[in-house]
């Protein structure tokens, strides 16, 4: 997916927050971060878990992306990957945004 195809509701100043119907946590048995909800569980890959750890309802998307760039300096530009994940998470109603 290119930047042009990322949902138009994604902007660097938006502040994502976790939908109250979900709980984000490390699941030792799965050896990964997960989103728990009444009907089940979503297993997150490593990148998604790194992004979700930074979502606190206070940091905006630019701050989240900057933090990831600092944590993973050799990863290159993560903006598109972060935007794609956030867009998908909003579509799946895992996240809300301001």
PDB file of N, CA and C in Angstrom:
ATOM      1  N   UNK A   1       0.860  -1.173   0.000  1.00  0.00           N
ATOM      2  CA  UNK A   1       0.000   0.000   0.000  1.00  0.00           C
ATOM      3  C   UNK A   1       0.899   1.227   0.000  1.00  0.00           C
ATOM      4  N   UNK A   2       0.622   2.159  -0.842  1.00  0.00           N
ATOM      5  CA  UNK A   2       1.403   3.384  -0.896  1.00  0.00           C
ATOM      6  C   UNK A   2       0.753   4.440  -0.034  1.00  0.00           C
ATOM      7  N   UNK A   3       1.493   5.516   0.204  1.00  0.00           N
ATOM      8  CA  UNK A   3       0.962   6.599   1.018  1.00  0.00           C
ATOM      9  C   UNK A   3      -0.335   7.134   0.435  1.00  0.00           C
ATOM     10  N   UNK A   4      -0.438   7.152  -0.885  1.00  0.00           N
ATOM     11  CA  UNK A   4      -1.628   7.691  -1.537  1.00  0.00           C
ATOM     12  C   UNK A   4      -2.873   6.862  -1.249  1.00  0.00           C
ATOM     13  N   UNK A   5      -2.699   5.576  -0.922  1.00  0.00           N
ATOM     14  CA  UNK A   5      -3.863   4.734  -0.677  1.00  0.00           C
ATOM     15  C   UNK A   5      -4.220   4.628   0.800  1.00  0.00           C
ATOM     16  N   UNK A   6      -3.422   5.215   1.657  1.00  0.00           N
ATOM     17  CA  UNK A   6      -3.745   5.214   3.086  1.00  0.00           C
ATOM     18  C   UNK A   6      -4.976   6.082   3.298  1.00  0.00           C
ATOM     19  N   UNK A   7      -5.850   5.639   4.158  1.00  0.00           N
ATOM     20  CA  UNK A   7      -7.103   6.349   4.415  1.00  0.00           C
ATOM     21  C   UNK A   7      -6.869   7.839   4.643  1.00  0.00           C
ATOM     22  N   UNK A   8      -7.733   8.644   4.070  1.00  0.00           N
ATOM     23  CA  UNK A   8      -7.565  10.094   4.134  1.00  0.00           C
ATOM     24  C   UNK A   8      -7.803  10.657   5.537  1.00  0.00           C
ATOM     25  N   UNK A   9      -8.355   9.857   6.447  1.00  0.00           N
ATOM     26  CA  UNK A   9      -8.582  10.357   7.804  1.00  0.00           C
ATOM     27  C   UNK A   9      -7.330  10.287   8.675  1.00  0.00           C
ATOM     28  N   UNK A  10      -6.230   9.824   8.121  1.00  0.00           N
ATOM     29  CA  UNK A  10      -4.979   9.722   8.861  1.00  0.00           C
ATOM     30  C   UNK A  10      -4.184  11.013   8.669  1.00  0.00           C
ATOM     31  N   UNK A  11      -3.826  11.640   9.792  1.00  0.00           N
ATOM     32  CA  UNK A  11      -2.983  12.833   9.734  1.00  0.00           C
ATOM     33  C   UNK A  11      -1.994  12.784  10.889  1.00  0.00           C
ATOM     34  N   UNK A  12      -0.854  13.460  10.758  1.00  0.00           N
ATOM     35  CA  UNK A  12       0.152  13.416  11.817  1.00  0.00           C
ATOM     36  C   UNK A  12      -0.335  13.965  13.161  1.00  0.00           C
ATOM     37  N   UNK A  13      -1.362  14.794  13.130  1.00  0.00           N
ATOM     38  CA  UNK A  13      -1.826  15.417  14.371  1.00  0.00           C
ATOM     39  C   UNK A  13      -2.952  14.647  15.055  1.00  0.00           C
ATOM     40  N   UNK A  14      -3.457  13.598  14.421  1.00  0.00           N
ATOM     41  CA  UNK A  14      -4.532  12.838  15.055  1.00  0.00           C
ATOM     42  C   UNK A  14      -3.998  12.052  16.242  1.00  0.00           C
ATOM     43  N   UNK A  15      -4.842  11.879  17.254  1.00  0.00           N
ATOM     44  CA  UNK A  15      -4.465  11.173  18.471  1.00  0.00           C
ATOM     45  C   UNK A  15      -5.322   9.914  18.602  1.00  0.00           C
ATOM     46  N   UNK A  16      -4.726   8.744  18.314  1.00  0.00           N
ATOM     47  CA  UNK A  16      -5.499   7.504  18.432  1.00  0.00           C
ATOM     48  C   UNK A  16      -5.622   7.052  19.882  1.00  0.00           C
ATOM     49  N   UNK A  17      -6.711   6.355  20.175  1.00  0.00           N
ATOM     50  CA  UNK A  17      -6.899   5.761  21.498  1.00  0.00           C
ATOM     51  C   UNK A  17      -7.586   4.414  21.327  1.00  0.00           C
ATOM     52  N   UNK A  18      -7.351   3.535  22.275  1.00  0.00           N
ATOM     53  CA  UNK A  18      -7.888   2.182  22.227  1.00  0.00           C
ATOM     54  C   UNK A  18      -9.391   2.198  22.491  1.00  0.00           C
ATOM     55  N   UNK A  19     -10.133   1.488  21.677  1.00  0.00           N
ATOM     56  CA  UNK A  19     -11.558   1.277  21.889  1.00  0.00           C
ATOM     57  C   UNK A  19     -11.729   0.559  23.240  1.00  0.00           C
ATOM     58  N   UNK A  20     -12.618   1.050  24.071  1.00  0.00           N
ATOM     59  CA  UNK A  20     -12.820   0.483  25.410  1.00  0.00           C
ATOM     60  C   UNK A  20     -13.287  -0.981  25.379  1.00  0.00           C
ATOM     61  N   UNK A  21     -13.756  -1.449  24.241  1.00  0.00           N
ATOM     62  CA  UNK A  21     -14.182  -2.849  24.116  1.00  0.00           C
ATOM     63  C   UNK A  21     -12.994  -3.815  24.015  1.00  0.00           C
ATOM     64  N   UNK A  22     -11.785  -3.269  23.853  1.00  0.00           N
ATOM     65  CA  UNK A  22     -10.586  -4.083  23.693  1.00  0.00           C
ATOM     66  C   UNK A  22      -9.629  -3.849  24.851  1.00  0.00           C
ATOM     67  N   UNK A  23      -8.847  -4.870  25.138  1.00  0.00           N
ATOM     68  CA  UNK A  23      -7.766  -4.729  26.115  1.00  0.00           C
ATOM     69  C   UNK A  23      -6.479  -5.168  25.426  1.00  0.00           C
ATOM     70  N   UNK A  24      -5.475  -4.312  25.472  1.00  0.00           N
ATOM     71  CA  UNK A  24      -4.171  -4.595  24.884  1.00  0.00           C
ATOM     72  C   UNK A  24      -3.255  -5.140  25.971  1.00  0.00           C
ATOM     73  N   UNK A  25      -2.624  -6.279  25.701  1.00  0.00           N
ATOM     74  CA  UNK A  25      -1.721  -6.845  26.702  1.00  0.00           C
ATOM     75  C   UNK A  25      -0.757  -7.832  26.059  1.00  0.00           C
ATOM     76  N   UNK A  26       0.332  -8.104  26.791  1.00  0.00           N
ATOM     77  CA  UNK A  26       1.260  -9.156  26.398  1.00  0.00           C
ATOM     78  C   UNK A  26       0.653 -10.481  26.835  1.00  0.00           C
ATOM     79  N   UNK A  27       0.597 -11.421  25.919  1.00  0.00           N
ATOM     80  CA  UNK A  27       0.049 -12.745  26.211  1.00  0.00           C
ATOM     81  C   UNK A  27       1.202 -13.747  26.194  1.00  0.00           C
ATOM     82  N   UNK A  28       1.634 -14.146  27.378  1.00  0.00           N
ATOM     83  CA  UNK A  28       2.787 -15.036  27.502  1.00  0.00           C
ATOM     84  C   UNK A  28       2.576 -16.345  26.732  1.00  0.00           C
ATOM     85  N   UNK A  29       1.384 -16.903  26.815  1.00  0.00           N
ATOM     86  CA  UNK A  29       1.106 -18.182  26.143  1.00  0.00           C
ATOM     87  C   UNK A  29       1.225 -18.064  24.618  1.00  0.00           C
ATOM     88  N   UNK A  30       0.915 -16.888  24.083  1.00  0.00           N
ATOM     89  CA  UNK A  30       0.994 -16.661  22.634  1.00  0.00           C
ATOM     90  C   UNK A  30       2.362 -16.095  22.226  1.00  0.00           C
ATOM     91  N   UNK A  31       3.131 -15.628  23.218  1.00  0.00           N
ATOM     92  CA  UNK A  31       4.423 -14.992  23.000  1.00  0.00           C
ATOM     93  C   UNK A  31       4.310 -13.782  22.066  1.00  0.00           C
ATOM     94  N   UNK A  32       3.248 -12.994  22.286  1.00  0.00           N
ATOM     95  CA  UNK A  32       3.039 -11.784  21.484  1.00  0.00           C
ATOM     96  C   UNK A  32       2.026 -10.881  22.192  1.00  0.00           C
ATOM     97  N   UNK A  33       1.951  -9.648  21.701  1.00  0.00           N
ATOM     98  CA  UNK A  33       0.910  -8.755  22.183  1.00  0.00           C
ATOM     99  C   UNK A  33      -0.401  -9.148  21.519  1.00  0.00           C
ATOM    100  N   UNK A  34      -1.487  -8.951  22.244  1.00  0.00           N
ATOM    101  CA  UNK A  34      -2.813  -9.283  21.734  1.00  0.00           C
ATOM    102  C   UNK A  34      -3.803  -8.182  22.089  1.00  0.00           C
ATOM    103  N   UNK A  35      -4.883  -8.166  21.355  1.00  0.00           N
ATOM    104  CA  UNK A  35      -6.050  -7.363  21.704  1.00  0.00           C
ATOM    105  C   UNK A  35      -7.133  -8.347  22.116  1.00  0.00           C
ATOM    106  N   UNK A  36      -7.572  -8.241  23.352  1.00  0.00           N
ATOM    107  CA  UNK A  36      -8.644  -9.102  23.856  1.00  0.00           C
ATOM    108  C   UNK A  36      -9.960  -8.360  23.754  1.00  0.00           C
ATOM    109  N   UNK A  37     -11.008  -9.085  23.386  1.00  0.00           N
ATOM    110  CA  UNK A  37     -12.352  -8.520  23.334  1.00  0.00           C
ATOM    111  C   UNK A  37     -13.319  -9.621  23.726  1.00  0.00           C
ATOM    112  N   UNK A  38     -14.575  -9.283  24.039  1.00  0.00           N
ATOM    113  CA  UNK A  38     -15.491 -10.295  24.579  1.00  0.00           C
ATOM    114  C   UNK A  38     -15.625 -11.561  23.734  1.00  0.00           C
ATOM    115  N   UNK A  39     -15.521 -11.436  22.418  1.00  0.00           N
ATOM    116  CA  UNK A  39     -15.716 -12.592  21.551  1.00  0.00           C
ATOM    117  C   UNK A  39     -14.428 -13.319  21.207  1.00  0.00           C
ATOM    118  N   UNK A  40     -13.267 -12.804  21.644  1.00  0.00           N
ATOM    119  CA  UNK A  40     -12.037 -13.486  21.274  1.00  0.00           C
ATOM    120  C   UNK A  40     -10.786 -12.667  21.472  1.00  0.00           C
ATOM    121  N   UNK A  41      -9.819 -12.912  20.573  1.00  0.00           N
ATOM    122  CA  UNK A  41      -8.505 -12.318  20.704  1.00  0.00           C
ATOM    123  C   UNK A  41      -7.910 -12.091  19.319  1.00  0.00           C
ATOM    124  N   UNK A  42      -7.186 -10.984  19.166  1.00  0.00           N
ATOM    125  CA  UNK A  42      -6.438 -10.700  17.951  1.00  0.00           C
ATOM    126  C   UNK A  42      -4.964 -10.750  18.313  1.00  0.00           C
ATOM    127  N   UNK A  43      -4.216 -11.642  17.660  1.00  0.00           N
ATOM    128  CA  UNK A  43      -2.780 -11.709  17.873  1.00  0.00           C
ATOM    129  C   UNK A  43      -2.124 -10.650  16.987  1.00  0.00           C
ATOM    130  N   UNK A  44      -1.235  -9.858  17.569  1.00  0.00           N
ATOM    131  CA  UNK A  44      -0.561  -8.796  16.830  1.00  0.00           C
ATOM    132  C   UNK A  44       0.866  -9.209  16.497  1.00  0.00           C
ATOM    133  N   UNK A  45       1.318  -8.824  15.300  1.00  0.00           N
ATOM    134  CA  UNK A  45       2.720  -9.084  14.968  1.00  0.00           C
ATOM    135  C   UNK A  45       3.597  -8.092  15.725  1.00  0.00           C
ATOM    136  N   UNK A  46       4.906  -8.257  15.628  1.00  0.00           N
ATOM    137  CA  UNK A  46       5.831  -7.422  16.387  1.00  0.00           C
ATOM    138  C   UNK A  46       5.679  -5.937  16.128  1.00  0.00           C
ATOM    139  N   UNK A  47       5.563  -5.557  14.851  1.00  0.00           N
ATOM    140  CA  UNK A  47       5.415  -4.140  14.510  1.00  0.00           C
ATOM    141  C   UNK A  47       4.136  -3.545  15.064  1.00  0.00           C
ATOM    142  N   UNK A  48       3.044  -4.288  14.947  1.00  0.00           N
ATOM    143  CA  UNK A  48       1.766  -3.802  15.473  1.00  0.00           C
ATOM    144  C   UNK A  48       1.827  -3.647  16.990  1.00  0.00           C
ATOM    145  N   UNK A  49       2.490  -4.586  17.653  1.00  0.00           N
ATOM    146  CA  UNK A  49       2.642  -4.494  19.104  1.00  0.00           C
ATOM    147  C   UNK A  49       3.451  -3.278  19.521  1.00  0.00           C
ATOM    148  N   UNK A  50       4.508  -2.978  18.760  1.00  0.00           N
ATOM    149  CA  UNK A  50       5.328  -1.800  19.055  1.00  0.00           C
ATOM    150  C   UNK A  50       4.503  -0.522  18.921  1.00  0.00           C
ATOM    151  N   UNK A  51       3.683  -0.452  17.884  1.00  0.00           N
ATOM    152  CA  UNK A  51       2.830   0.728  17.686  1.00  0.00           C
ATOM    153  C   UNK A  51       1.804   0.823  18.813  1.00  0.00           C
ATOM    154  N   UNK A  52       1.132  -0.292  19.091  1.00  0.00           N
ATOM    155  CA  UNK A  52       0.070  -0.277  20.098  1.00  0.00           C
ATOM    156  C   UNK A  52       0.585   0.101  21.483  1.00  0.00           C
ATOM    157  N   UNK A  53       1.833  -0.254  21.806  1.00  0.00           N
ATOM    158  CA  UNK A  53       2.389   0.113  23.108  1.00  0.00           C
ATOM    159  C   UNK A  53       2.461   1.626  23.296  1.00  0.00           C
ATOM    160  N   UNK A  54       2.506   2.359  22.200  1.00  0.00           N
ATOM    161  CA  UNK A  54       2.637   3.822  22.262  1.00  0.00           C
ATOM    162  C   UNK A  54       1.300   4.552  22.227  1.00  0.00           C
ATOM    163  N   UNK A  55       0.229   3.823  21.974  1.00  0.00           N
ATOM    164  CA  UNK A  55      -1.085   4.456  21.884  1.00  0.00           C
ATOM    165  C   UNK A  55      -1.657   4.596  23.288  1.00  0.00           C
ATOM    166  N   UNK A  56      -1.755   5.843  23.730  1.00  0.00           N
ATOM    167  CA  UNK A  56      -2.214   6.117  25.092  1.00  0.00           C
ATOM    168  C   UNK A  56      -3.312   7.175  25.143  1.00  0.00           C
ATOM    169  N   UNK A  57      -3.805   7.594  23.974  1.00  0.00           N
ATOM    170  CA  UNK A  57      -4.840   8.619  23.937  1.00  0.00           C
ATOM    171  C   UNK A  57      -4.293  10.018  24.124  1.00  0.00           C
ATOM    172  N   UNK A  58      -2.985  10.144  24.283  1.00  0.00           N
ATOM    173  CA  UNK A  58      -2.356  11.456  24.456  1.00  0.00           C
ATOM    174  C   UNK A  58      -1.350  11.777  23.353  1.00  0.00           C
ATOM    175  N   UNK A  59      -0.604  10.774  22.911  1.00  0.00           N
ATOM    176  CA  UNK A  59       0.382  10.994  21.851  1.00  0.00           C
ATOM    177  C   UNK A  59      -0.325  11.049  20.495  1.00  0.00           C
ATOM    178  N   UNK A  60       0.095  12.014  19.663  1.00  0.00           N
ATOM    179  CA  UNK A  60      -0.453  12.044  18.310  1.00  0.00           C
ATOM    180  C   UNK A  60       0.374  11.127  17.408  1.00  0.00           C
ATOM    181  N   UNK A  61      -0.091  10.959  16.202  1.00  0.00           N
ATOM    182  CA  UNK A  61       0.536  10.026  15.275  1.00  0.00           C
ATOM    183  C   UNK A  61       1.984  10.411  14.984  1.00  0.00           C
ATOM    184  N   UNK A  62       2.270  11.694  14.883  1.00  0.00           N
ATOM    185  CA  UNK A  62       3.645  12.133  14.636  1.00  0.00           C
ATOM    186  C   UNK A  62       4.560  11.760  15.812  1.00  0.00           C
ATOM    187  N   UNK A  63       4.081  11.930  17.022  1.00  0.00           N
ATOM    188  CA  UNK A  63       4.873  11.570  18.202  1.00  0.00           C
ATOM    189  C   UNK A  63       5.118  10.061  18.266  1.00  0.00           C
ATOM    190  N   UNK A  64       4.120   9.288  17.919  1.00  0.00           N
ATOM    191  CA  UNK A  64       4.259   7.824  17.900  1.00  0.00           C
ATOM    192  C   UNK A  64       5.300   7.423  16.860  1.00  0.00           C
ATOM    193  N   UNK A  65       5.188   7.988  15.663  1.00  0.00           N
ATOM    194  CA  UNK A  65       6.127   7.671  14.584  1.00  0.00           C
ATOM    195  C   UNK A  65       7.545   8.104  14.953  1.00  0.00           C
ATOM    196  N   UNK A  66       7.689   9.286  15.526  1.00  0.00           N
ATOM    197  CA  UNK A  66       9.016   9.765  15.937  1.00  0.00           C
ATOM    198  C   UNK A  66       9.631   8.852  16.982  1.00  0.00           C
ATOM    199  N   UNK A  67       8.828   8.387  17.939  1.00  0.00           N
ATOM    200  CA  UNK A  67       9.326   7.480  18.977  1.00  0.00           C
ATOM    201  C   UNK A  67       9.821   6.177  18.356  1.00  0.00           C
ATOM    202  N   UNK A  68       9.077   5.660  17.377  1.00  0.00           N
ATOM    203  CA  UNK A  68       9.491   4.427  16.704  1.00  0.00           C
ATOM    204  C   UNK A  68      10.764   4.638  15.896  1.00  0.00           C
ATOM    205  N   UNK A  69      10.893   5.801  15.247  1.00  0.00           N
ATOM    206  CA  UNK A  69      12.126   6.106  14.504  1.00  0.00           C
ATOM    207  C   UNK A  69      13.326   6.127  15.446  1.00  0.00           C
ATOM    208  N   UNK A  70      13.139   6.668  16.647  1.00  0.00           N
ATOM    209  CA  UNK A  70      14.214   6.718  17.635  1.00  0.00           C
ATOM    210  C   UNK A  70      14.556   5.314  18.136  1.00  0.00           C
ATOM    211  N   UNK A  71      13.541   4.512  18.374  1.00  0.00           N
ATOM    212  CA  UNK A  71      13.743   3.158  18.893  1.00  0.00           C
ATOM    213  C   UNK A  71      14.352   2.223  17.841  1.00  0.00           C
ATOM    214  N   UNK A  72      13.992   2.444  16.577  1.00  0.00           N
ATOM    215  CA  UNK A  72      14.452   1.580  15.479  1.00  0.00           C
ATOM    216  C   UNK A  72      15.094   2.424  14.374  1.00  0.00           C
ATOM    217  N   UNK A  73      16.264   3.028  14.650  1.00  0.00           N
ATOM    218  CA  UNK A  73      16.865   3.953  13.692  1.00  0.00           C
ATOM    219  C   UNK A  73      17.275   3.309  12.367  1.00  0.00           C
ATOM    220  N   UNK A  74      17.537   2.021  12.361  1.00  0.00           N
ATOM    221  CA  UNK A  74      17.955   1.352  11.130  1.00  0.00           C
ATOM    222  C   UNK A  74      16.785   0.880  10.273  1.00  0.00           C
ATOM    223  N   UNK A  75      15.565   1.116  10.734  1.00  0.00           N
ATOM    224  CA  UNK A  75      14.382   0.620  10.016  1.00  0.00           C
ATOM    225  C   UNK A  75      13.981   1.503   8.842  1.00  0.00           C
ATOM    226  N   UNK A  76      14.574   2.670   8.712  1.00  0.00           N
ATOM    227  CA  UNK A  76      14.181   3.575   7.631  1.00  0.00           C
ATOM    228  C   UNK A  76      12.925   4.336   8.014  1.00  0.00           C
ATOM    229  N   UNK A  77      12.260   4.876   7.018  1.00  0.00           N
ATOM    230  CA  UNK A  77      11.060   5.674   7.259  1.00  0.00           C
ATOM    231  C   UNK A  77       9.881   4.747   7.558  1.00  0.00           C
ATOM    232  N   UNK A  78       9.361   4.850   8.758  1.00  0.00           N
ATOM    233  CA  UNK A  78       8.259   3.989   9.199  1.00  0.00           C
ATOM    234  C   UNK A  78       6.885   4.634   9.039  1.00  0.00           C
ATOM    235  N   UNK A  79       6.848   5.844   8.518  1.00  0.00           N
ATOM    236  CA  UNK A  79       5.601   6.604   8.459  1.00  0.00           C
ATOM    237  C   UNK A  79       4.489   5.848   7.742  1.00  0.00           C
ATOM    238  N   UNK A  80       4.773   5.312   6.571  1.00  0.00           N
ATOM    239  CA  UNK A  80       3.739   4.606   5.807  1.00  0.00           C
ATOM    240  C   UNK A  80       3.251   3.376   6.556  1.00  0.00           C
ATOM    241  N   UNK A  81       4.174   2.622   7.142  1.00  0.00           N
ATOM    242  CA  UNK A  81       3.776   1.418   7.893  1.00  0.00           C
ATOM    243  C   UNK A  81       2.897   1.772   9.086  1.00  0.00           C
ATOM    244  N   UNK A  82       3.282   2.811   9.820  1.00  0.00           N
ATOM    245  CA  UNK A  82       2.487   3.236  10.977  1.00  0.00           C
ATOM    246  C   UNK A  82       1.116   3.706  10.515  1.00  0.00           C
ATOM    247  N   UNK A  83       1.067   4.526   9.470  1.00  0.00           N
ATOM    248  CA  UNK A  83      -0.213   5.029   8.961  1.00  0.00           C
ATOM    249  C   UNK A  83      -1.116   3.896   8.484  1.00  0.00           C
ATOM    250  N   UNK A  84      -0.544   2.913   7.811  1.00  0.00           N
ATOM    251  CA  UNK A  84      -1.343   1.773   7.341  1.00  0.00           C
ATOM    252  C   UNK A  84      -1.917   0.987   8.507  1.00  0.00           C
ATOM    253  N   UNK A  85      -1.098   0.750   9.534  1.00  0.00           N
ATOM    254  CA  UNK A  85      -1.604   0.021  10.695  1.00  0.00           C
ATOM    255  C   UNK A  85      -2.714   0.805  11.384  1.00  0.00           C
ATOM    256  N   UNK A  86      -2.502   2.094  11.609  1.00  0.00           N
ATOM    257  CA  UNK A  86      -3.509   2.920  12.276  1.00  0.00           C
ATOM    258  C   UNK A  86      -4.802   2.930  11.466  1.00  0.00           C
ATOM    259  N   UNK A  87      -4.680   3.074  10.165  1.00  0.00           N
ATOM    260  CA  UNK A  87      -5.862   3.077   9.298  1.00  0.00           C
ATOM    261  C   UNK A  87      -6.631   1.758   9.418  1.00  0.00           C
ATOM    262  N   UNK A  88      -5.915   0.646   9.379  1.00  0.00           N
ATOM    263  CA  UNK A  88      -6.549  -0.668   9.514  1.00  0.00           C
ATOM    264  C   UNK A  88      -7.195  -0.825  10.887  1.00  0.00           C
ATOM    265  N   UNK A  89      -6.486  -0.394  11.932  1.00  0.00           N
ATOM    266  CA  UNK A  89      -7.011  -0.516  13.296  1.00  0.00           C
ATOM    267  C   UNK A  89      -8.277   0.324  13.486  1.00  0.00           C
ATOM    268  N   UNK A  90      -8.334   1.478  12.845  1.00  0.00           N
ATOM    269  CA  UNK A  90      -9.548   2.311  12.912  1.00  0.00           C
ATOM    270  C   UNK A  90     -10.685   1.630  12.156  1.00  0.00           C
ATOM    271  N   UNK A  91     -10.391   1.101  10.974  1.00  0.00           N
ATOM    272  CA  UNK A  91     -11.418   0.400  10.186  1.00  0.00           C
ATOM    273  C   UNK A  91     -11.971  -0.798  10.950  1.00  0.00           C
ATOM    274  N   UNK A  92     -11.110  -1.501  11.690  1.00  0.00           N
ATOM    275  CA  UNK A  92     -11.543  -2.678  12.456  1.00  0.00           C
ATOM    276  C   UNK A  92     -12.129  -2.295  13.816  1.00  0.00           C
ATOM    277  N   UNK A  93     -12.142  -0.987  14.088  1.00  0.00           N
ATOM    278  CA  UNK A  93     -12.698  -0.434  15.325  1.00  0.00           C
ATOM    279  C   UNK A  93     -11.897  -0.810  16.566  1.00  0.00           C
ATOM    280  N   UNK A  94     -10.607  -1.147  16.378  1.00  0.00           N
ATOM    281  CA  UNK A  94      -9.728  -1.364  17.525  1.00  0.00           C
ATOM    282  C   UNK A  94      -9.382  -0.025  18.151  1.00  0.00           C
ATOM    283  N   UNK A  95      -9.284   1.000  17.308  1.00  0.00           N
ATOM    284  CA  UNK A  95      -8.895   2.334  17.753  1.00  0.00           C
ATOM    285  C   UNK A  95      -9.940   3.355  17.365  1.00  0.00           C
ATOM    286  N   UNK A  96      -9.993   4.414  18.166  1.00  0.00           N
ATOM    287  CA  UNK A  96     -10.723   5.620  17.831  1.00  0.00           C
ATOM    288  C   UNK A  96      -9.699   6.715  17.646  1.00  0.00           C
ATOM    289  N   UNK A  97     -10.111   7.857  17.117  1.00  0.00           N
ATOM    290  CA  UNK A  97      -9.194   8.989  17.020  1.00  0.00           C
ATOM    291  C   UNK A  97      -9.982  10.261  17.186  1.00  0.00           C
ATOM    292  N   UNK A  98      -9.241  11.320  17.541  1.00  0.00           N
ATOM    293  CA  UNK A  98      -9.884  12.617  17.759  1.00  0.00           C
ATOM    294  C   UNK A  98     -10.337  13.223  16.442  1.00  0.00           C
TER     295      UNK A  98
END
